Amino acid sequence: MLNFTDKTIVNEPLYPFVEPHPWEMELFQSKPVRRLKQLAHFGAGSLISPVVHTRYEHTIGVWKLVSIFFPDEILLRAAAILHDVGHLPFSHSVEKTLGFNHHRLTEEYINEEEISSI
């Protein structure tokens, strides 16, 4: 069971600390969001660029900005956490070649029990 007092999973240094709601902590601990830790945000560009942050770290930044500017907008806060869950490694670079649409996978993840129950 996740200890909700441990906020280190939603820590990144660029923006001020934001107190996550318990449901946000659950989303951050969900499998679709956790897998973003393995994906470079810059995709194939990360092979030739010094940009090294993950889609998970990017997601935290987006969530913090939304939480700071729209603190009472629950749907926006949830969307900020879930906006990248459908990406593959090198997603934009390989989607057309593979006949893949990350938006469709994002919808599938959001509609699955693990996310929809939160």
PDB file of N, CA and C in Angstrom:
ATOM      1  N   MET A   1       0.845  -1.192   0.000  1.00  0.00           N
ATOM      2  CA  MET A   1       0.000   0.000   0.000  1.00  0.00           C
ATOM      3  C   MET A   1       0.874   1.234   0.000  1.00  0.00           C
ATOM      4  N   LEU A   2       0.510   2.191  -0.801  1.00  0.00           N
ATOM      5  CA  LEU A   2       1.261   3.440  -0.905  1.00  0.00           C
ATOM      6  C   LEU A   2       1.080   4.278   0.349  1.00  0.00           C
ATOM      7  N   ASN A   3       2.169   4.809   0.845  1.00  0.00           N
ATOM      8  CA  ASN A   3       2.119   5.725   1.980  1.00  0.00           C
ATOM      9  C   ASN A   3       1.891   7.132   1.424  1.00  0.00           C
ATOM     10  N   PHE A   4       0.718   7.693   1.623  1.00  0.00           N
ATOM     11  CA  PHE A   4       0.384   8.992   1.053  1.00  0.00           C
ATOM     12  C   PHE A   4       1.177  10.142   1.660  1.00  0.00           C
ATOM     13  N   THR A   5       1.924   9.904   2.731  1.00  0.00           N
ATOM     14  CA  THR A   5       2.766  10.966   3.271  1.00  0.00           C
ATOM     15  C   THR A   5       4.083  11.056   2.503  1.00  0.00           C
ATOM     16  N   ASP A   6       4.384  10.066   1.675  1.00  0.00           N
ATOM     17  CA  ASP A   6       5.616  10.072   0.888  1.00  0.00           C
ATOM     18  C   ASP A   6       5.339  10.745  -0.451  1.00  0.00           C
ATOM     19  N   LYS A   7       5.697  12.012  -0.568  1.00  0.00           N
ATOM     20  CA  LYS A   7       5.416  12.783  -1.779  1.00  0.00           C
ATOM     21  C   LYS A   7       6.601  12.797  -2.738  1.00  0.00           C
ATOM     22  N   THR A   8       7.632  12.012  -2.464  1.00  0.00           N
ATOM     23  CA  THR A   8       8.815  12.048  -3.313  1.00  0.00           C
ATOM     24  C   THR A   8       8.543  11.566  -4.724  1.00  0.00           C
ATOM     25  N   ILE A   9       7.501  10.789  -4.937  1.00  0.00           N
ATOM     26  CA  ILE A   9       7.227  10.302  -6.287  1.00  0.00           C
ATOM     27  C   ILE A   9       6.718  11.413  -7.203  1.00  0.00           C
ATOM     28  N   VAL A  10       6.303  12.527  -6.650  1.00  0.00           N
ATOM     29  CA  VAL A  10       5.850  13.650  -7.481  1.00  0.00           C
ATOM     30  C   VAL A  10       6.745  14.868  -7.254  1.00  0.00           C
ATOM     31  N   ASN A  11       8.013  14.605  -7.105  1.00  0.00           N
ATOM     32  CA  ASN A  11       8.961  15.684  -6.885  1.00  0.00           C
ATOM     33  C   ASN A  11       9.795  15.917  -8.137  1.00  0.00           C
ATOM     34  N   GLU A  12       9.972  17.151  -8.493  1.00  0.00           N
ATOM     35  CA  GLU A  12      10.903  17.569  -9.521  1.00  0.00           C
ATOM     36  C   GLU A  12      11.285  19.006  -9.179  1.00  0.00           C
ATOM     37  N   PRO A  13      12.484  19.430  -9.511  1.00  0.00           N
ATOM     38  CA  PRO A  13      13.022  20.685  -8.982  1.00  0.00           C
ATOM     39  C   PRO A  13      12.593  21.965  -9.686  1.00  0.00           C
ATOM     40  N   LEU A  14      12.002  21.906 -10.850  1.00  0.00           N
ATOM     41  CA  LEU A  14      11.750  23.118 -11.620  1.00  0.00           C
ATOM     42  C   LEU A  14      10.646  23.993 -11.041  1.00  0.00           C
ATOM     43  N   TYR A  15       9.600  23.377 -10.524  1.00  0.00           N
ATOM     44  CA  TYR A  15       8.453  24.127 -10.021  1.00  0.00           C
ATOM     45  C   TYR A  15       8.301  23.916  -8.521  1.00  0.00           C
ATOM     46  N   PRO A  16       7.598  24.836  -7.849  1.00  0.00           N
ATOM     47  CA  PRO A  16       7.405  24.683  -6.395  1.00  0.00           C
ATOM     48  C   PRO A  16       6.617  23.414  -6.065  1.00  0.00           C
ATOM     49  N   PHE A  17       6.760  22.965  -4.835  1.00  0.00           N
ATOM     50  CA  PHE A  17       6.032  21.791  -4.376  1.00  0.00           C
ATOM     51  C   PHE A  17       4.534  22.038  -4.445  1.00  0.00           C
ATOM     52  N   VAL A  18       3.812  21.049  -4.880  1.00  0.00           N
ATOM     53  CA  VAL A  18       2.351  21.072  -4.917  1.00  0.00           C
ATOM     54  C   VAL A  18       1.877  19.894  -4.083  1.00  0.00           C
ATOM     55  N   GLU A  19       0.943  20.144  -3.204  1.00  0.00           N
ATOM     56  CA  GLU A  19       0.371  19.076  -2.380  1.00  0.00           C
ATOM     57  C   GLU A  19      -0.614  18.278  -3.220  1.00  0.00           C
ATOM     58  N   PRO A  20      -0.295  17.021  -3.527  1.00  0.00           N
ATOM     59  CA  PRO A  20      -1.217  16.217  -4.332  1.00  0.00           C
ATOM     60  C   PRO A  20      -2.400  15.726  -3.522  1.00  0.00           C
ATOM     61  N   HIS A  21      -3.539  15.648  -4.179  1.00  0.00           N
ATOM     62  CA  HIS A  21      -4.707  15.014  -3.575  1.00  0.00           C
ATOM     63  C   HIS A  21      -4.446  13.510  -3.507  1.00  0.00           C
ATOM     64  N   PRO A  22      -5.090  12.798  -2.606  1.00  0.00           N
ATOM     65  CA  PRO A  22      -4.911  11.334  -2.545  1.00  0.00           C
ATOM     66  C   PRO A  22      -5.197  10.644  -3.883  1.00  0.00           C
ATOM     67  N   TRP A  23      -6.230  11.067  -4.599  1.00  0.00           N
ATOM     68  CA  TRP A  23      -6.546  10.440  -5.888  1.00  0.00           C
ATOM     69  C   TRP A  23      -5.451  10.706  -6.911  1.00  0.00           C
ATOM     70  N   GLU A  24      -4.774  11.852  -6.807  1.00  0.00           N
ATOM     71  CA  GLU A  24      -3.660  12.133  -7.716  1.00  0.00           C
ATOM     72  C   GLU A  24      -2.485  11.205  -7.421  1.00  0.00           C
ATOM     73  N   MET A  25      -2.250  10.946  -6.140  1.00  0.00           N
ATOM     74  CA  MET A  25      -1.197  10.009  -5.768  1.00  0.00           C
ATOM     75  C   MET A  25      -1.525   8.617  -6.321  1.00  0.00           C
ATOM     76  N   GLU A  26      -2.786   8.250  -6.291  1.00  0.00           N
ATOM     77  CA  GLU A  26      -3.184   6.954  -6.855  1.00  0.00           C
ATOM     78  C   GLU A  26      -2.915   6.905  -8.358  1.00  0.00           C
ATOM     79  N   LEU A  27      -3.233   8.004  -9.060  1.00  0.00           N
ATOM     80  CA  LEU A  27      -2.954   8.042 -10.494  1.00  0.00           C
ATOM     81  C   LEU A  27      -1.457   7.937 -10.758  1.00  0.00           C
ATOM     82  N   PHE A  28      -0.652   8.669  -9.993  1.00  0.00           N
ATOM     83  CA  PHE A  28       0.798   8.608 -10.180  1.00  0.00           C
ATOM     84  C   PHE A  28       1.350   7.207  -9.924  1.00  0.00           C
ATOM     85  N   GLN A  29       0.679   6.434  -9.083  1.00  0.00           N
ATOM     86  CA  GLN A  29       1.130   5.077  -8.786  1.00  0.00           C
ATOM     87  C   GLN A  29       0.529   4.025  -9.720  1.00  0.00           C
ATOM     88  N   SER A  30      -0.377   4.436 -10.596  1.00  0.00           N
ATOM     89  CA  SER A  30      -0.980   3.473 -11.521  1.00  0.00           C
ATOM     90  C   SER A  30       0.062   2.996 -12.530  1.00  0.00           C
ATOM     91  N   LYS A  31      -0.135   1.808 -13.018  1.00  0.00           N
ATOM     92  CA  LYS A  31       0.808   1.214 -13.968  1.00  0.00           C
ATOM     93  C   LYS A  31       0.978   2.054 -15.241  1.00  0.00           C
ATOM     94  N   PRO A  32      -0.115   2.557 -15.851  1.00  0.00           N
ATOM     95  CA  PRO A  32       0.068   3.360 -17.062  1.00  0.00           C
ATOM     96  C   PRO A  32       0.913   4.629 -16.837  1.00  0.00           C
ATOM     97  N   VAL A  33       0.787   5.239 -15.680  1.00  0.00           N
ATOM     98  CA  VAL A  33       1.577   6.453 -15.403  1.00  0.00           C
ATOM     99  C   VAL A  33       3.003   6.065 -15.024  1.00  0.00           C
ATOM    100  N   ARG A  34       3.162   5.033 -14.217  1.00  0.00           N
ATOM    101  CA  ARG A  34       4.515   4.606 -13.815  1.00  0.00           C
ATOM    102  C   ARG A  34       5.370   4.220 -15.014  1.00  0.00           C
ATOM    103  N   ARG A  35       4.766   3.648 -16.058  1.00  0.00           N
ATOM    104  CA  ARG A  35       5.553   3.234 -17.219  1.00  0.00           C
ATOM    105  C   ARG A  35       6.188   4.419 -17.935  1.00  0.00           C
ATOM    106  N   LEU A  36       5.673   5.620 -17.697  1.00  0.00           N
ATOM    107  CA  LEU A  36       6.251   6.820 -18.313  1.00  0.00           C
ATOM    108  C   LEU A  36       7.672   7.083 -17.816  1.00  0.00           C
ATOM    109  N   LYS A  37       8.032   6.481 -16.689  1.00  0.00           N
ATOM    110  CA  LYS A  37       9.397   6.625 -16.165  1.00  0.00           C
ATOM    111  C   LYS A  37      10.421   5.998 -17.100  1.00  0.00           C
ATOM    112  N   GLN A  38       9.971   5.096 -17.954  1.00  0.00           N
ATOM    113  CA  GLN A  38      10.876   4.393 -18.868  1.00  0.00           C
ATOM    114  C   GLN A  38      10.961   5.029 -20.251  1.00  0.00           C
ATOM    115  N   LEU A  39      10.205   6.088 -20.476  1.00  0.00           N
ATOM    116  CA  LEU A  39      10.142   6.701 -21.804  1.00  0.00           C
ATOM    117  C   LEU A  39      10.799   8.070 -21.820  1.00  0.00           C
ATOM    118  N   ALA A  40      11.740   8.260 -22.717  1.00  0.00           N
ATOM    119  CA  ALA A  40      12.358   9.576 -22.886  1.00  0.00           C
ATOM    120  C   ALA A  40      11.319  10.532 -23.452  1.00  0.00           C
ATOM    121  N   HIS A  41      11.203  11.703 -22.876  1.00  0.00           N
ATOM    122  CA  HIS A  41      10.223  12.676 -23.360  1.00  0.00           C
ATOM    123  C   HIS A  41      10.576  13.177 -24.750  1.00  0.00           C
ATOM    124  N   PHE A  42      11.849  13.261 -25.040  1.00  0.00           N
ATOM    125  CA  PHE A  42      12.296  13.796 -26.325  1.00  0.00           C
ATOM    126  C   PHE A  42      12.301  12.727 -27.414  1.00  0.00           C
ATOM    127  N   GLY A  43      11.848  11.533 -27.084  1.00  0.00           N
ATOM    128  CA  GLY A  43      11.736  10.456 -28.057  1.00  0.00           C
ATOM    129  C   GLY A  43      13.054  10.142 -28.736  1.00  0.00           C
ATOM    130  N   ALA A  44      13.010   9.976 -30.057  1.00  0.00           N
ATOM    131  CA  ALA A  44      14.221   9.651 -30.815  1.00  0.00           C
ATOM    132  C   ALA A  44      15.248  10.770 -30.733  1.00  0.00           C
ATOM    133  N   GLY A  45      14.794  11.982 -30.495  1.00  0.00           N
ATOM    134  CA  GLY A  45      15.715  13.104 -30.338  1.00  0.00           C
ATOM    135  C   GLY A  45      16.664  12.913 -29.167  1.00  0.00           C
ATOM    136  N   SER A  46      16.260  12.088 -28.212  1.00  0.00           N
ATOM    137  CA  SER A  46      17.116  11.855 -27.051  1.00  0.00           C
ATOM    138  C   SER A  46      18.389  11.093 -27.428  1.00  0.00           C
ATOM    139  N   LEU A  47      18.407  10.489 -28.600  1.00  0.00           N
ATOM    140  CA  LEU A  47      19.603   9.791 -29.060  1.00  0.00           C
ATOM    141  C   LEU A  47      20.711  10.762 -29.460  1.00  0.00           C
ATOM    142  N   ILE A  48      20.338  11.997 -29.804  1.00  0.00           N
ATOM    143  CA  ILE A  48      21.329  12.972 -30.262  1.00  0.00           C
ATOM    144  C   ILE A  48      21.322  14.269 -29.462  1.00  0.00           C
ATOM    145  N   SER A  49      20.517  14.337 -28.437  1.00  0.00           N
ATOM    146  CA  SER A  49      20.343  15.564 -27.663  1.00  0.00           C
ATOM    147  C   SER A  49      20.697  15.337 -26.198  1.00  0.00           C
ATOM    148  N   PRO A  50      21.106  16.404 -25.510  1.00  0.00           N
ATOM    149  CA  PRO A  50      21.357  16.276 -24.074  1.00  0.00           C
ATOM    150  C   PRO A  50      20.073  16.259 -23.239  1.00  0.00           C
ATOM    151  N   VAL A  51      18.907  16.385 -23.870  1.00  0.00           N
ATOM    152  CA  VAL A  51      17.640  16.343 -23.154  1.00  0.00           C
ATOM    153  C   VAL A  51      17.454  14.933 -22.599  1.00  0.00           C
ATOM    154  N   VAL A  52      17.328  14.823 -21.286  1.00  0.00           N
ATOM    155  CA  VAL A  52      17.303  13.493 -20.682  1.00  0.00           C
ATOM    156  C   VAL A  52      16.086  13.224 -19.803  1.00  0.00           C
ATOM    157  N   HIS A  53      15.160  14.151 -19.697  1.00  0.00           N
ATOM    158  CA  HIS A  53      14.036  13.886 -18.802  1.00  0.00           C
ATOM    159  C   HIS A  53      13.050  12.900 -19.431  1.00  0.00           C
ATOM    160  N   THR A  54      12.326  12.234 -18.551  1.00  0.00           N
ATOM    161  CA  THR A  54      11.363  11.220 -18.984  1.00  0.00           C
ATOM    162  C   THR A  54       9.984  11.837 -19.181  1.00  0.00           C
ATOM    163  N   ARG A  55       9.113  11.073 -19.794  1.00  0.00           N
ATOM    164  CA  ARG A  55       7.716  11.524 -19.917  1.00  0.00           C
ATOM    165  C   ARG A  55       7.072  11.629 -18.537  1.00  0.00           C
ATOM    166  N   TYR A  56       7.525  10.839 -17.587  1.00  0.00           N
ATOM    167  CA  TYR A  56       7.011  10.926 -16.215  1.00  0.00           C
ATOM    168  C   TYR A  56       7.390  12.280 -15.606  1.00  0.00           C
ATOM    169  N   GLU A  57       8.645  12.663 -15.726  1.00  0.00           N
ATOM    170  CA  GLU A  57       9.078  13.958 -15.178  1.00  0.00           C
ATOM    171  C   GLU A  57       8.356  15.105 -15.877  1.00  0.00           C
ATOM    172  N   HIS A  58       8.181  14.991 -17.188  1.00  0.00           N
ATOM    173  CA  HIS A  58       7.414  15.989 -17.937  1.00  0.00           C
ATOM    174  C   HIS A  58       5.979  16.057 -17.411  1.00  0.00           C
ATOM    175  N   THR A  59       5.379  14.898 -17.155  1.00  0.00           N
ATOM    176  CA  THR A  59       4.011  14.832 -16.640  1.00  0.00           C
ATOM    177  C   THR A  59       3.905  15.541 -15.290  1.00  0.00           C
ATOM    178  N   ILE A  60       4.883  15.333 -14.427  1.00  0.00           N
ATOM    179  CA  ILE A  60       4.872  16.015 -13.127  1.00  0.00           C
ATOM    180  C   ILE A  60       4.914  17.526 -13.330  1.00  0.00           C
ATOM    181  N   GLY A  61       5.753  17.988 -14.250  1.00  0.00           N
ATOM    182  CA  GLY A  61       5.832  19.427 -14.526  1.00  0.00           C
ATOM    183  C   GLY A  61       4.520  19.993 -15.027  1.00  0.00           C
ATOM    184  N   VAL A  62       3.882  19.292 -15.958  1.00  0.00           N
ATOM    185  CA  VAL A  62       2.588  19.741 -16.485  1.00  0.00           C
ATOM    186  C   VAL A  62       1.555  19.760 -15.362  1.00  0.00           C
ATOM    187  N   TRP A  63       1.536  18.701 -14.557  1.00  0.00           N
ATOM    188  CA  TRP A  63       0.593  18.624 -13.435  1.00  0.00           C
ATOM    189  C   TRP A  63       0.826  19.765 -12.445  1.00  0.00           C
ATOM    190  N   LYS A  64       2.082  20.072 -12.149  1.00  0.00           N
ATOM    191  CA  LYS A  64       2.364  21.165 -11.206  1.00  0.00           C
ATOM    192  C   LYS A  64       1.879  22.501 -11.759  1.00  0.00           C
ATOM    193  N   LEU A  65       2.140  22.759 -13.032  1.00  0.00           N
ATOM    194  CA  LEU A  65       1.685  24.028 -13.624  1.00  0.00           C
ATOM    195  C   LEU A  65       0.167  24.147 -13.572  1.00  0.00           C
ATOM    196  N   VAL A  66      -0.523  23.084 -13.949  1.00  0.00           N
ATOM    197  CA  VAL A  66      -1.991  23.094 -13.893  1.00  0.00           C
ATOM    198  C   VAL A  66      -2.455  23.289 -12.457  1.00  0.00           C
ATOM    199  N   SER A  67      -1.824  22.605 -11.525  1.00  0.00           N
ATOM    200  CA  SER A  67      -2.220  22.688 -10.117  1.00  0.00           C
ATOM    201  C   SER A  67      -1.986  24.075  -9.528  1.00  0.00           C
ATOM    202  N   ILE A  68      -0.945  24.739  -9.988  1.00  0.00           N
ATOM    203  CA  ILE A  68      -0.639  26.092  -9.507  1.00  0.00           C
ATOM    204  C   ILE A  68      -1.620  27.109 -10.089  1.00  0.00           C
ATOM    205  N   PHE A  69      -1.868  27.035 -11.400  1.00  0.00           N
ATOM    206  CA  PHE A  69      -2.706  28.030 -12.063  1.00  0.00           C
ATOM    207  C   PHE A  69      -4.195  27.721 -12.019  1.00  0.00           C
ATOM    208  N   PHE A  70      -4.555  26.455 -11.877  1.00  0.00           N
ATOM    209  CA  PHE A  70      -5.964  26.038 -11.831  1.00  0.00           C
ATOM    210  C   PHE A  70      -6.167  25.044 -10.689  1.00  0.00           C
ATOM    211  N   PRO A  71      -5.911  25.441  -9.449  1.00  0.00           N
ATOM    212  CA  PRO A  71      -5.902  24.489  -8.336  1.00  0.00           C
ATOM    213  C   PRO A  71      -7.225  23.770  -8.091  1.00  0.00           C
ATOM    214  N   ASP A  72      -8.334  24.370  -8.455  1.00  0.00           N
ATOM    215  CA  ASP A  72      -9.639  23.759  -8.188  1.00  0.00           C
ATOM    216  C   ASP A  72     -10.218  23.007  -9.382  1.00  0.00           C
ATOM    217  N   GLU A  73      -9.480  22.940 -10.481  1.00  0.00           N
ATOM    218  CA  GLU A  73      -9.966  22.272 -11.691  1.00  0.00           C
ATOM    219  C   GLU A  73      -9.528  20.799 -11.692  1.00  0.00           C
ATOM    220  N   ILE A  74     -10.342  19.968 -11.090  1.00  0.00           N
ATOM    221  CA  ILE A  74     -10.011  18.559 -10.908  1.00  0.00           C
ATOM    222  C   ILE A  74      -9.801  17.841 -12.244  1.00  0.00           C
ATOM    223  N   LEU A  75     -10.640  18.103 -13.229  1.00  0.00           N
ATOM    224  CA  LEU A  75     -10.488  17.438 -14.525  1.00  0.00           C
ATOM    225  C   LEU A  75      -9.191  17.833 -15.214  1.00  0.00           C
ATOM    226  N   LEU A  76      -8.815  19.093 -15.122  1.00  0.00           N
ATOM    227  CA  LEU A  76      -7.543  19.530 -15.700  1.00  0.00           C
ATOM    228  C   LEU A  76      -6.364  18.873 -14.998  1.00  0.00           C
ATOM    229  N   ARG A  77      -6.456  18.762 -13.692  1.00  0.00           N
ATOM    230  CA  ARG A  77      -5.379  18.126 -12.931  1.00  0.00           C
ATOM    231  C   ARG A  77      -5.248  16.659 -13.314  1.00  0.00           C
ATOM    232  N   ALA A  78      -6.368  15.974 -13.472  1.00  0.00           N
ATOM    233  CA  ALA A  78      -6.328  14.571 -13.893  1.00  0.00           C
ATOM    234  C   ALA A  78      -5.789  14.456 -15.324  1.00  0.00           C
ATOM    235  N   ALA A  79      -6.240  15.346 -16.205  1.00  0.00           N
ATOM    236  CA  ALA A  79      -5.767  15.322 -17.592  1.00  0.00           C
ATOM    237  C   ALA A  79      -4.262  15.566 -17.664  1.00  0.00           C
ATOM    238  N   ALA A  80      -3.747  16.435 -16.809  1.00  0.00           N
ATOM    239  CA  ALA A  80      -2.307  16.702 -16.795  1.00  0.00           C
ATOM    240  C   ALA A  80      -1.529  15.438 -16.443  1.00  0.00           C
ATOM    241  N   ILE A  81      -2.047  14.656 -15.517  1.00  0.00           N
ATOM    242  CA  ILE A  81      -1.369  13.425 -15.105  1.00  0.00           C
ATOM    243  C   ILE A  81      -1.462  12.354 -16.191  1.00  0.00           C
ATOM    244  N   LEU A  82      -2.566  12.312 -16.906  1.00  0.00           N
ATOM    245  CA  LEU A  82      -2.821  11.214 -17.839  1.00  0.00           C
ATOM    246  C   LEU A  82      -2.513  11.541 -19.296  1.00  0.00           C
ATOM    247  N   HIS A  83      -2.115  12.751 -19.603  1.00  0.00           N
ATOM    248  CA  HIS A  83      -2.032  13.171 -21.002  1.00  0.00           C
ATOM    249  C   HIS A  83      -1.030  12.395 -21.853  1.00  0.00           C
ATOM    250  N   ASP A  84      -0.011  11.781 -21.275  1.00  0.00           N
ATOM    251  CA  ASP A  84       1.010  11.079 -22.063  1.00  0.00           C
ATOM    252  C   ASP A  84       0.981   9.558 -21.919  1.00  0.00           C
ATOM    253  N   VAL A  85      -0.001   8.992 -21.222  1.00  0.00           N
ATOM    254  CA  VAL A  85       0.049   7.567 -20.902  1.00  0.00           C
ATOM    255  C   VAL A  85       0.029   6.646 -22.126  1.00  0.00           C
ATOM    256  N   GLY A  86      -0.431   7.107 -23.257  1.00  0.00           N
ATOM    257  CA  GLY A  86      -0.511   6.253 -24.437  1.00  0.00           C
ATOM    258  C   GLY A  86       0.732   6.217 -25.300  1.00  0.00           C
ATOM    259  N   HIS A  87       1.761   6.949 -24.919  1.00  0.00           N
ATOM    260  CA  HIS A  87       2.965   6.996 -25.755  1.00  0.00           C
ATOM    261  C   HIS A  87       3.784   5.719 -25.679  1.00  0.00           C
ATOM    262  N   LEU A  88       4.409   5.403 -26.809  1.00  0.00           N
ATOM    263  CA  LEU A  88       5.379   4.321 -26.918  1.00  0.00           C
ATOM    264  C   LEU A  88       6.782   4.920 -26.826  1.00  0.00           C
ATOM    265  N   PRO A  89       7.806   4.094 -26.665  1.00  0.00           N
ATOM    266  CA  PRO A  89       9.162   4.618 -26.826  1.00  0.00           C
ATOM    267  C   PRO A  89       9.293   5.216 -28.237  1.00  0.00           C
ATOM    268  N   PHE A  90       9.882   6.366 -28.344  1.00  0.00           N
ATOM    269  CA  PHE A  90      10.052   7.068 -29.627  1.00  0.00           C
ATOM    270  C   PHE A  90       8.714   7.297 -30.326  1.00  0.00           C
ATOM    271  N   SER A  91       7.680   7.490 -29.556  1.00  0.00           N
ATOM    272  CA  SER A  91       6.295   7.472 -30.012  1.00  0.00           C
ATOM    273  C   SER A  91       6.032   8.236 -31.300  1.00  0.00           C
ATOM    274  N   HIS A  92       6.247   9.524 -31.322  1.00  0.00           N
ATOM    275  CA  HIS A  92       5.919  10.298 -32.515  1.00  0.00           C
ATOM    276  C   HIS A  92       6.761   9.863 -33.708  1.00  0.00           C
ATOM    277  N   SER A  93       7.984   9.435 -33.458  1.00  0.00           N
ATOM    278  CA  SER A  93       8.887   9.043 -34.534  1.00  0.00           C
ATOM    279  C   SER A  93       8.469   7.751 -35.222  1.00  0.00           C
ATOM    280  N   VAL A  94       7.805   6.868 -34.518  1.00  0.00           N
ATOM    281  CA  VAL A  94       7.482   5.545 -35.087  1.00  0.00           C
ATOM    282  C   VAL A  94       5.997   5.297 -35.296  1.00  0.00           C
ATOM    283  N   GLU A  95       5.146   6.191 -34.840  1.00  0.00           N
ATOM    284  CA  GLU A  95       3.702   5.932 -34.913  1.00  0.00           C
ATOM    285  C   GLU A  95       3.204   5.685 -36.331  1.00  0.00           C
ATOM    286  N   LYS A  96       3.562   6.545 -37.254  1.00  0.00           N
ATOM    287  CA  LYS A  96       3.058   6.392 -38.625  1.00  0.00           C
ATOM    288  C   LYS A  96       3.562   5.088 -39.246  1.00  0.00           C
ATOM    289  N   THR A  97       4.840   4.799 -39.033  1.00  0.00           N
ATOM    290  CA  THR A  97       5.428   3.575 -39.579  1.00  0.00           C
ATOM    291  C   THR A  97       4.754   2.330 -39.026  1.00  0.00           C
ATOM    292  N   LEU A  98       4.440   2.356 -37.736  1.00  0.00           N
ATOM    293  CA  LEU A  98       3.829   1.194 -37.088  1.00  0.00           C
ATOM    294  C   LEU A  98       2.298   1.181 -37.200  1.00  0.00           C
ATOM    295  N   GLY A  99       1.721   2.244 -37.759  1.00  0.00           N
ATOM    296  CA  GLY A  99       0.269   2.335 -37.832  1.00  0.00           C
ATOM    297  C   GLY A  99      -0.353   2.455 -36.456  1.00  0.00           C
ATOM    298  N   PHE A 100       0.257   3.256 -35.627  1.00  0.00           N
ATOM    299  CA  PHE A 100      -0.114   3.357 -34.221  1.00  0.00           C
ATOM    300  C   PHE A 100      -0.623   4.764 -33.919  1.00  0.00           C
ATOM    301  N   ASN A 101      -1.573   4.875 -33.002  1.00  0.00           N
ATOM    302  CA  ASN A 101      -2.104   6.167 -32.595  1.00  0.00           C
ATOM    303  C   ASN A 101      -2.075   6.242 -31.068  1.00  0.00           C
ATOM    304  N   HIS A 102      -1.176   7.072 -30.512  1.00  0.00           N
ATOM    305  CA  HIS A 102      -1.051   7.128 -29.049  1.00  0.00           C
ATOM    306  C   HIS A 102      -2.295   7.710 -28.383  1.00  0.00           C
ATOM    307  N   HIS A 103      -3.085   8.475 -29.101  1.00  0.00           N
ATOM    308  CA  HIS A 103      -4.323   9.012 -28.527  1.00  0.00           C
ATOM    309  C   HIS A 103      -5.319   7.881 -28.244  1.00  0.00           C
ATOM    310  N   ARG A 104      -5.383   6.922 -29.154  1.00  0.00           N
ATOM    311  CA  ARG A 104      -6.290   5.781 -28.960  1.00  0.00           C
ATOM    312  C   ARG A 104      -5.858   4.950 -27.747  1.00  0.00           C
ATOM    313  N   LEU A 105      -4.543   4.715 -27.602  1.00  0.00           N
ATOM    314  CA  LEU A 105      -4.065   3.958 -26.446  1.00  0.00           C
ATOM    315  C   LEU A 105      -4.304   4.729 -25.149  1.00  0.00           C
ATOM    316  N   THR A 106      -4.158   6.057 -25.194  1.00  0.00           N
ATOM    317  CA  THR A 106      -4.448   6.876 -24.017  1.00  0.00           C
ATOM    318  C   THR A 106      -5.895   6.668 -23.584  1.00  0.00           C
ATOM    319  N   GLU A 107      -6.826   6.702 -24.539  1.00  0.00           N
ATOM    320  CA  GLU A 107      -8.236   6.464 -24.219  1.00  0.00           C
ATOM    321  C   GLU A 107      -8.443   5.082 -23.612  1.00  0.00           C
ATOM    322  N   GLU A 108      -7.774   4.077 -24.171  1.00  0.00           N
ATOM    323  CA  GLU A 108      -7.917   2.715 -23.647  1.00  0.00           C
ATOM    324  C   GLU A 108      -7.438   2.636 -22.199  1.00  0.00           C
ATOM    325  N   TYR A 109      -6.279   3.215 -21.900  1.00  0.00           N
ATOM    326  CA  TYR A 109      -5.767   3.205 -20.529  1.00  0.00           C
ATOM    327  C   TYR A 109      -6.726   3.911 -19.575  1.00  0.00           C
ATOM    328  N   ILE A 110      -7.243   5.053 -19.990  1.00  0.00           N
ATOM    329  CA  ILE A 110      -8.133   5.824 -19.127  1.00  0.00           C
ATOM    330  C   ILE A 110      -9.433   5.059 -18.859  1.00  0.00           C
ATOM    331  N   ASN A 111      -9.900   4.305 -19.829  1.00  0.00           N
ATOM    332  CA  ASN A 111     -11.139   3.549 -19.671  1.00  0.00           C
ATOM    333  C   ASN A 111     -10.962   2.235 -18.933  1.00  0.00           C
ATOM    334  N   GLU A 112      -9.715   1.773 -18.763  1.00  0.00           N
ATOM    335  CA  GLU A 112      -9.488   0.543 -18.013  1.00  0.00           C
ATOM    336  C   GLU A 112      -9.777   0.765 -16.527  1.00  0.00           C
ATOM    337  N   GLU A 113     -10.090  -0.315 -15.842  1.00  0.00           N
ATOM    338  CA  GLU A 113     -10.492  -0.267 -14.432  1.00  0.00           C
ATOM    339  C   GLU A 113      -9.473   0.445 -13.529  1.00  0.00           C
ATOM    340  N   GLU A 114      -8.189   0.193 -13.746  1.00  0.00           N
ATOM    341  CA  GLU A 114      -7.183   0.788 -12.862  1.00  0.00           C
ATOM    342  C   GLU A 114      -7.266   2.313 -12.818  1.00  0.00           C
ATOM    343  N   ILE A 115      -7.504   2.940 -13.958  1.00  0.00           N
ATOM    344  CA  ILE A 115      -7.616   4.405 -14.007  1.00  0.00           C
ATOM    345  C   ILE A 115      -9.049   4.848 -13.752  1.00  0.00           C
ATOM    346  N   SER A 116     -10.006   4.242 -14.426  1.00  0.00           N
ATOM    347  CA  SER A 116     -11.402   4.705 -14.316  1.00  0.00           C
ATOM    348  C   SER A 116     -11.947   4.584 -12.900  1.00  0.00           C
ATOM    349  N   SER A 117     -11.436   3.645 -12.123  1.00  0.00           N
ATOM    350  CA  SER A 117     -11.909   3.494 -10.737  1.00  0.00           C
ATOM    351  C   SER A 117     -11.403   4.620  -9.834  1.00  0.00           C
ATOM    352  N   ILE A 118     -10.327   5.258 -10.244  1.00  0.00           N
ATOM    353  CA  ILE A 118      -9.791   6.381  -9.462  1.00  0.00           C
ATOM    354  C   ILE A 118     -10.592   7.625  -9.767  1.00  0.00           C
TER     355      ILE A 118
END
